[in-house]
């Protein structure tokens, strides 16, 4: 079974992975998952001045979740 071009592109060129500036007051954090399994994801969102202006970043501790969350 071969992966599609879009899946391979997201795997090789991750998007939205990382963290936002901790000192930014417009940043919100969320944490979810099951720490007992090592499956934890942190999601950070920054809302801009315009309603349609936002940025999101994530980090995860589980490799498979990391690969499937990069879109």
PDB file of N, CA and C in Angstrom:
ATOM      1  N   UNK A   1       0.841  -1.180   0.000  1.00  0.00           N
ATOM      2  CA  UNK A   1       0.000   0.000   0.000  1.00  0.00           C
ATOM      3  C   UNK A   1       0.889   1.247   0.000  1.00  0.00           C
ATOM      4  N   UNK A   2       0.670   2.106  -0.931  1.00  0.00           N
ATOM      5  CA  UNK A   2       1.458   3.332  -1.048  1.00  0.00           C
ATOM      6  C   UNK A   2       0.691   4.510  -0.456  1.00  0.00           C
ATOM      7  N   UNK A   3       1.419   5.415   0.164  1.00  0.00           N
ATOM      8  CA  UNK A   3       0.805   6.627   0.702  1.00  0.00           C
ATOM      9  C   UNK A   3       0.631   7.637  -0.418  1.00  0.00           C
ATOM     10  N   UNK A   4      -0.394   8.458  -0.316  1.00  0.00           N
ATOM     11  CA  UNK A   4      -0.644   9.494  -1.307  1.00  0.00           C
ATOM     12  C   UNK A   4       0.371  10.626  -1.197  1.00  0.00           C
ATOM     13  N   UNK A   5       0.470  11.428  -2.241  1.00  0.00           N
ATOM     14  CA  UNK A   5       1.427  12.533  -2.276  1.00  0.00           C
ATOM     15  C   UNK A   5       1.191  13.532  -1.150  1.00  0.00           C
ATOM     16  N   UNK A   6      -0.072  13.810  -0.820  1.00  0.00           N
ATOM     17  CA  UNK A   6      -0.371  14.780   0.232  1.00  0.00           C
ATOM     18  C   UNK A   6       0.083  14.264   1.593  1.00  0.00           C
ATOM     19  N   UNK A   7      -0.137  12.993   1.869  1.00  0.00           N
ATOM     20  CA  UNK A   7       0.292  12.401   3.138  1.00  0.00           C
ATOM     21  C   UNK A   7       1.807  12.440   3.255  1.00  0.00           C
ATOM     22  N   UNK A   8       2.503  12.072   2.197  1.00  0.00           N
ATOM     23  CA  UNK A   8       3.966  12.103   2.203  1.00  0.00           C
ATOM     24  C   UNK A   8       4.491  13.524   2.372  1.00  0.00           C
ATOM     25  N   UNK A   9       3.842  14.489   1.720  1.00  0.00           N
ATOM     26  CA  UNK A   9       4.267  15.875   1.842  1.00  0.00           C
ATOM     27  C   UNK A   9       4.131  16.365   3.283  1.00  0.00           C
ATOM     28  N   UNK A  10       3.039  16.046   3.948  1.00  0.00           N
ATOM     29  CA  UNK A  10       2.843  16.462   5.340  1.00  0.00           C
ATOM     30  C   UNK A  10       3.827  15.745   6.270  1.00  0.00           C
ATOM     31  N   UNK A  11       4.184  14.539   5.968  1.00  0.00           N
ATOM     32  CA  UNK A  11       5.160  13.806   6.782  1.00  0.00           C
ATOM     33  C   UNK A  11       6.551  14.416   6.648  1.00  0.00           C
ATOM     34  N   UNK A  12       6.919  14.736   5.422  1.00  0.00           N
ATOM     35  CA  UNK A  12       8.260  15.258   5.168  1.00  0.00           C
ATOM     36  C   UNK A  12       8.400  16.748   5.468  1.00  0.00           C
ATOM     37  N   UNK A  13       7.296  17.479   5.444  1.00  0.00           N
ATOM     38  CA  UNK A  13       7.297  18.926   5.685  1.00  0.00           C
ATOM     39  C   UNK A  13       6.235  19.258   6.726  1.00  0.00           C
ATOM     40  N   UNK A  14       6.524  19.023   8.002  1.00  0.00           N
ATOM     41  CA  UNK A  14       5.513  19.228   9.040  1.00  0.00           C
ATOM     42  C   UNK A  14       5.034  20.672   9.117  1.00  0.00           C
ATOM     43  N   UNK A  15       3.761  20.817   9.423  1.00  0.00           N
ATOM     44  CA  UNK A  15       3.149  22.133   9.568  1.00  0.00           C
ATOM     45  C   UNK A  15       2.612  22.282  10.981  1.00  0.00           C
ATOM     46  N   UNK A  16       2.662  23.485  11.475  1.00  0.00           N
ATOM     47  CA  UNK A  16       2.053  23.827  12.768  1.00  0.00           C
ATOM     48  C   UNK A  16       2.649  23.080  13.958  1.00  0.00           C
ATOM     49  N   UNK A  17       3.875  22.624  13.854  1.00  0.00           N
ATOM     50  CA  UNK A  17       4.532  21.938  14.965  1.00  0.00           C
ATOM     51  C   UNK A  17       5.404  22.950  15.694  1.00  0.00           C
ATOM     52  N   UNK A  18       5.337  22.961  17.011  1.00  0.00           N
ATOM     53  CA  UNK A  18       6.185  23.859  17.782  1.00  0.00           C
ATOM     54  C   UNK A  18       5.419  24.527  18.903  1.00  0.00           C
ATOM     55  N   UNK A  19       5.899  25.675  19.318  1.00  0.00           N
ATOM     56  CA  UNK A  19       5.263  26.427  20.395  1.00  0.00           C
ATOM     57  C   UNK A  19       5.159  27.888  20.009  1.00  0.00           C
ATOM     58  N   UNK A  20       4.239  28.584  20.650  1.00  0.00           N
ATOM     59  CA  UNK A  20       4.080  30.018  20.464  1.00  0.00           C
ATOM     60  C   UNK A  20       4.772  30.747  21.611  1.00  0.00           C
ATOM     61  N   UNK A  21       4.962  32.041  21.455  1.00  0.00           N
ATOM     62  CA  UNK A  21       5.627  32.867  22.458  1.00  0.00           C
ATOM     63  C   UNK A  21       4.875  32.816  23.790  1.00  0.00           C
ATOM     64  N   UNK A  22       5.568  32.395  24.844  1.00  0.00           N
ATOM     65  CA  UNK A  22       4.940  32.247  26.165  1.00  0.00           C
ATOM     66  C   UNK A  22       4.501  33.576  26.764  1.00  0.00           C
ATOM     67  N   UNK A  23       5.116  34.667  26.364  1.00  0.00           N
ATOM     68  CA  UNK A  23       4.768  35.968  26.940  1.00  0.00           C
ATOM     69  C   UNK A  23       3.601  36.650  26.225  1.00  0.00           C
ATOM     70  N   UNK A  24       3.082  36.059  25.171  1.00  0.00           N
ATOM     71  CA  UNK A  24       1.990  36.665  24.402  1.00  0.00           C
ATOM     72  C   UNK A  24       0.667  36.500  25.155  1.00  0.00           C
ATOM     73  N   UNK A  25       0.006  37.598  25.522  1.00  0.00           N
ATOM     74  CA  UNK A  25      -1.258  37.494  26.267  1.00  0.00           C
ATOM     75  C   UNK A  25      -2.416  36.964  25.427  1.00  0.00           C
ATOM     76  N   UNK A  26      -2.283  36.931  24.115  1.00  0.00           N
ATOM     77  CA  UNK A  26      -3.348  36.437  23.249  1.00  0.00           C
ATOM     78  C   UNK A  26      -3.225  34.948  22.959  1.00  0.00           C
ATOM     79  N   UNK A  27      -2.303  34.275  23.635  1.00  0.00           N
ATOM     80  CA  UNK A  27      -2.076  32.850  23.432  1.00  0.00           C
ATOM     81  C   UNK A  27      -2.884  32.054  24.450  1.00  0.00           C
ATOM     82  N   UNK A  28      -3.518  30.984  23.988  1.00  0.00           N
ATOM     83  CA  UNK A  28      -4.224  30.068  24.874  1.00  0.00           C
ATOM     84  C   UNK A  28      -3.643  28.681  24.731  1.00  0.00           C
ATOM     85  N   UNK A  29      -3.626  27.907  25.827  1.00  0.00           N
ATOM     86  CA  UNK A  29      -3.036  26.575  25.830  1.00  0.00           C
ATOM     87  C   UNK A  29      -4.089  25.519  26.167  1.00  0.00           C
ATOM     88  N   UNK A  30      -3.949  24.367  25.581  1.00  0.00           N
ATOM     89  CA  UNK A  30      -4.760  23.213  25.930  1.00  0.00           C
ATOM     90  C   UNK A  30      -3.867  21.984  26.010  1.00  0.00           C
ATOM     91  N   UNK A  31      -4.185  21.092  26.919  1.00  0.00           N
ATOM     92  CA  UNK A  31      -3.414  19.871  27.096  1.00  0.00           C
ATOM     93  C   UNK A  31      -4.392  18.716  27.201  1.00  0.00           C
ATOM     94  N   UNK A  32      -4.149  17.667  26.439  1.00  0.00           N
ATOM     95  CA  UNK A  32      -5.054  16.524  26.477  1.00  0.00           C
ATOM     96  C   UNK A  32      -4.328  15.236  26.177  1.00  0.00           C
ATOM     97  N   UNK A  33      -4.993  14.144  26.442  1.00  0.00           N
ATOM     98  CA  UNK A  33      -4.426  12.835  26.180  1.00  0.00           C
ATOM     99  C   UNK A  33      -4.424  11.974  27.419  1.00  0.00           C
ATOM    100  N   UNK A  34      -3.621  10.921  27.371  1.00  0.00           N
ATOM    101  CA  UNK A  34      -3.501   9.988  28.494  1.00  0.00           C
ATOM    102  C   UNK A  34      -2.031   9.883  28.873  1.00  0.00           C
ATOM    103  N   UNK A  35      -1.667  10.587  29.911  1.00  0.00           N
ATOM    104  CA  UNK A  35      -0.266  10.619  30.336  1.00  0.00           C
ATOM    105  C   UNK A  35       0.234   9.237  30.733  1.00  0.00           C
ATOM    106  N   UNK A  36      -0.653   8.377  31.253  1.00  0.00           N
ATOM    107  CA  UNK A  36      -0.220   7.040  31.669  1.00  0.00           C
ATOM    108  C   UNK A  36       0.283   6.217  30.492  1.00  0.00           C
ATOM    109  N   UNK A  37      -0.157   6.535  29.278  1.00  0.00           N
ATOM    110  CA  UNK A  37       0.283   5.819  28.071  1.00  0.00           C
ATOM    111  C   UNK A  37       1.396   6.564  27.346  1.00  0.00           C
ATOM    112  N   UNK A  38       1.678   7.776  27.791  1.00  0.00           N
ATOM    113  CA  UNK A  38       2.655   8.588  27.081  1.00  0.00           C
ATOM    114  C   UNK A  38       2.063   9.314  25.895  1.00  0.00           C
ATOM    115  N   UNK A  39       0.746   9.357  25.808  1.00  0.00           N
ATOM    116  CA  UNK A  39       0.048   9.980  24.684  1.00  0.00           C
ATOM    117  C   UNK A  39      -0.535  11.314  25.142  1.00  0.00           C
ATOM    118  N   UNK A  40       0.258  12.381  25.025  1.00  0.00           N
ATOM    119  CA  UNK A  40      -0.154  13.705  25.474  1.00  0.00           C
ATOM    120  C   UNK A  40       0.078  14.694  24.339  1.00  0.00           C
ATOM    121  N   UNK A  41      -0.876  15.605  24.139  1.00  0.00           N
ATOM    122  CA  UNK A  41      -0.730  16.629  23.112  1.00  0.00           C
ATOM    123  C   UNK A  41      -1.022  17.997  23.720  1.00  0.00           C
ATOM    124  N   UNK A  42      -0.156  18.944  23.403  1.00  0.00           N
ATOM    125  CA  UNK A  42      -0.365  20.332  23.819  1.00  0.00           C
ATOM    126  C   UNK A  42      -0.730  21.126  22.566  1.00  0.00           C
ATOM    127  N   UNK A  43      -1.815  21.868  22.656  1.00  0.00           N
ATOM    128  CA  UNK A  43      -2.264  22.709  21.551  1.00  0.00           C
ATOM    129  C   UNK A  43      -2.244  24.149  22.025  1.00  0.00           C
ATOM    130  N   UNK A  44      -1.639  25.016  21.229  1.00  0.00           N
ATOM    131  CA  UNK A  44      -1.600  26.436  21.545  1.00  0.00           C
ATOM    132  C   UNK A  44      -2.238  27.199  20.393  1.00  0.00           C
ATOM    133  N   UNK A  45      -3.076  28.174  20.749  1.00  0.00           N
ATOM    134  CA  UNK A  45      -3.766  28.983  19.755  1.00  0.00           C
ATOM    135  C   UNK A  45      -3.564  30.451  20.099  1.00  0.00           C
ATOM    136  N   UNK A  46      -3.295  31.240  19.081  1.00  0.00           N
ATOM    137  CA  UNK A  46      -3.167  32.691  19.253  1.00  0.00           C
ATOM    138  C   UNK A  46      -4.220  33.338  18.356  1.00  0.00           C
ATOM    139  N   UNK A  47      -5.067  34.150  18.963  1.00  0.00           N
ATOM    140  CA  UNK A  47      -6.124  34.840  18.230  1.00  0.00           C
ATOM    141  C   UNK A  47      -5.647  36.251  17.922  1.00  0.00           C
ATOM    142  N   UNK A  48      -5.767  36.644  16.677  1.00  0.00           N
ATOM    143  CA  UNK A  48      -5.340  37.977  16.266  1.00  0.00           C
ATOM    144  C   UNK A  48      -6.430  39.009  16.490  1.00  0.00           C
ATOM    145  N   UNK A  49      -6.182  40.228  16.021  1.00  0.00           N
ATOM    146  CA  UNK A  49      -7.142  41.313  16.188  1.00  0.00           C
ATOM    147  C   UNK A  49      -8.393  41.108  15.336  1.00  0.00           C
ATOM    148  N   UNK A  50      -8.232  40.544  14.160  1.00  0.00           N
ATOM    149  CA  UNK A  50      -9.376  40.246  13.299  1.00  0.00           C
ATOM    150  C   UNK A  50      -9.866  38.832  13.606  1.00  0.00           C
ATOM    151  N   UNK A  51     -11.165  38.624  13.517  1.00  0.00           N
ATOM    152  CA  UNK A  51     -11.748  37.325  13.877  1.00  0.00           C
ATOM    153  C   UNK A  51     -11.158  36.178  13.063  1.00  0.00           C
ATOM    154  N   UNK A  52     -10.777  36.429  11.825  1.00  0.00           N
ATOM    155  CA  UNK A  52     -10.247  35.359  10.980  1.00  0.00           C
ATOM    156  C   UNK A  52      -8.728  35.229  11.079  1.00  0.00           C
ATOM    157  N   UNK A  53      -8.105  35.963  11.971  1.00  0.00           N
ATOM    158  CA  UNK A  53      -6.656  35.930  12.138  1.00  0.00           C
ATOM    159  C   UNK A  53      -6.278  35.082  13.351  1.00  0.00           C
ATOM    160  N   UNK A  54      -5.680  33.917  13.099  1.00  0.00           N
ATOM    161  CA  UNK A  54      -5.277  33.042  14.197  1.00  0.00           C
ATOM    162  C   UNK A  54      -4.104  32.182  13.772  1.00  0.00           C
ATOM    163  N   UNK A  55      -3.406  31.655  14.754  1.00  0.00           N
ATOM    164  CA  UNK A  55      -2.266  30.764  14.551  1.00  0.00           C
ATOM    165  C   UNK A  55      -2.398  29.615  15.533  1.00  0.00           C
ATOM    166  N   UNK A  56      -2.048  28.415  15.114  1.00  0.00           N
ATOM    167  CA  UNK A  56      -2.090  27.256  16.009  1.00  0.00           C
ATOM    168  C   UNK A  56      -0.788  26.480  15.889  1.00  0.00           C
ATOM    169  N   UNK A  57      -0.317  25.952  17.009  1.00  0.00           N
ATOM    170  CA  UNK A  57       0.879  25.107  17.059  1.00  0.00           C
ATOM    171  C   UNK A  57       0.588  23.934  17.984  1.00  0.00           C
ATOM    172  N   UNK A  58       1.249  22.819  17.758  1.00  0.00           N
ATOM    173  CA  UNK A  58       1.054  21.675  18.641  1.00  0.00           C
ATOM    174  C   UNK A  58       2.365  20.947  18.858  1.00  0.00           C
ATOM    175  N   UNK A  59       2.423  20.212  19.957  1.00  0.00           N
ATOM    176  CA  UNK A  59       3.524  19.298  20.261  1.00  0.00           C
ATOM    177  C   UNK A  59       2.898  18.065  20.883  1.00  0.00           C
ATOM    178  N   UNK A  60       3.468  16.918  20.601  1.00  0.00           N
ATOM    179  CA  UNK A  60       2.950  15.680  21.159  1.00  0.00           C
ATOM    180  C   UNK A  60       4.107  14.780  21.569  1.00  0.00           C
ATOM    181  N   UNK A  61       3.805  13.873  22.461  1.00  0.00           N
ATOM    182  CA  UNK A  61       4.843  12.977  22.962  1.00  0.00           C
ATOM    183  C   UNK A  61       4.836  11.622  22.261  1.00  0.00           C
ATOM    184  N   UNK A  62       3.853  11.371  21.441  1.00  0.00           N
ATOM    185  CA  UNK A  62       3.715  10.069  20.786  1.00  0.00           C
ATOM    186  C   UNK A  62       3.949  10.228  19.289  1.00  0.00           C
ATOM    187  N   UNK A  63       4.886   9.482  18.742  1.00  0.00           N
ATOM    188  CA  UNK A  63       5.260   9.619  17.337  1.00  0.00           C
ATOM    189  C   UNK A  63       4.117   9.467  16.362  1.00  0.00           C
ATOM    190  N   UNK A  64       3.255   8.485  16.553  1.00  0.00           N
ATOM    191  CA  UNK A  64       2.151   8.271  15.613  1.00  0.00           C
ATOM    192  C   UNK A  64       1.155   9.421  15.672  1.00  0.00           C
ATOM    193  N   UNK A  65       0.904   9.962  16.855  1.00  0.00           N
ATOM    194  CA  UNK A  65       0.013  11.114  16.972  1.00  0.00           C
ATOM    195  C   UNK A  65       0.639  12.335  16.318  1.00  0.00           C
ATOM    196  N   UNK A  66       1.935  12.474  16.455  1.00  0.00           N
ATOM    197  CA  UNK A  66       2.643  13.595  15.831  1.00  0.00           C
ATOM    198  C   UNK A  66       2.477  13.555  14.321  1.00  0.00           C
ATOM    199  N   UNK A  67       2.673  12.399  13.727  1.00  0.00           N
ATOM    200  CA  UNK A  67       2.575  12.277  12.268  1.00  0.00           C
ATOM    201  C   UNK A  67       1.153  12.521  11.774  1.00  0.00           C
ATOM    202  N   UNK A  68       0.154  12.083  12.501  1.00  0.00           N
ATOM    203  CA  UNK A  68      -1.222  12.224  12.027  1.00  0.00           C
ATOM    204  C   UNK A  68      -1.803  13.599  12.333  1.00  0.00           C
ATOM    205  N   UNK A  69      -1.127  14.416  13.130  1.00  0.00           N
ATOM    206  CA  UNK A  69      -1.656  15.724  13.527  1.00  0.00           C
ATOM    207  C   UNK A  69      -1.063  16.868  12.748  1.00  0.00           C
ATOM    208  N   UNK A  70      -0.222  16.609  11.808  1.00  0.00           N
ATOM    209  CA  UNK A  70       0.508  17.666  11.121  1.00  0.00           C
ATOM    210  C   UNK A  70      -0.252  18.349   9.993  1.00  0.00           C
ATOM    211  N   UNK A  71      -1.439  17.974   9.712  1.00  0.00           N
ATOM    212  CA  UNK A  71      -2.134  18.578   8.566  1.00  0.00           C
ATOM    213  C   UNK A  71      -2.671  19.944   8.866  1.00  0.00           C
TER     214      UNK A  71
END
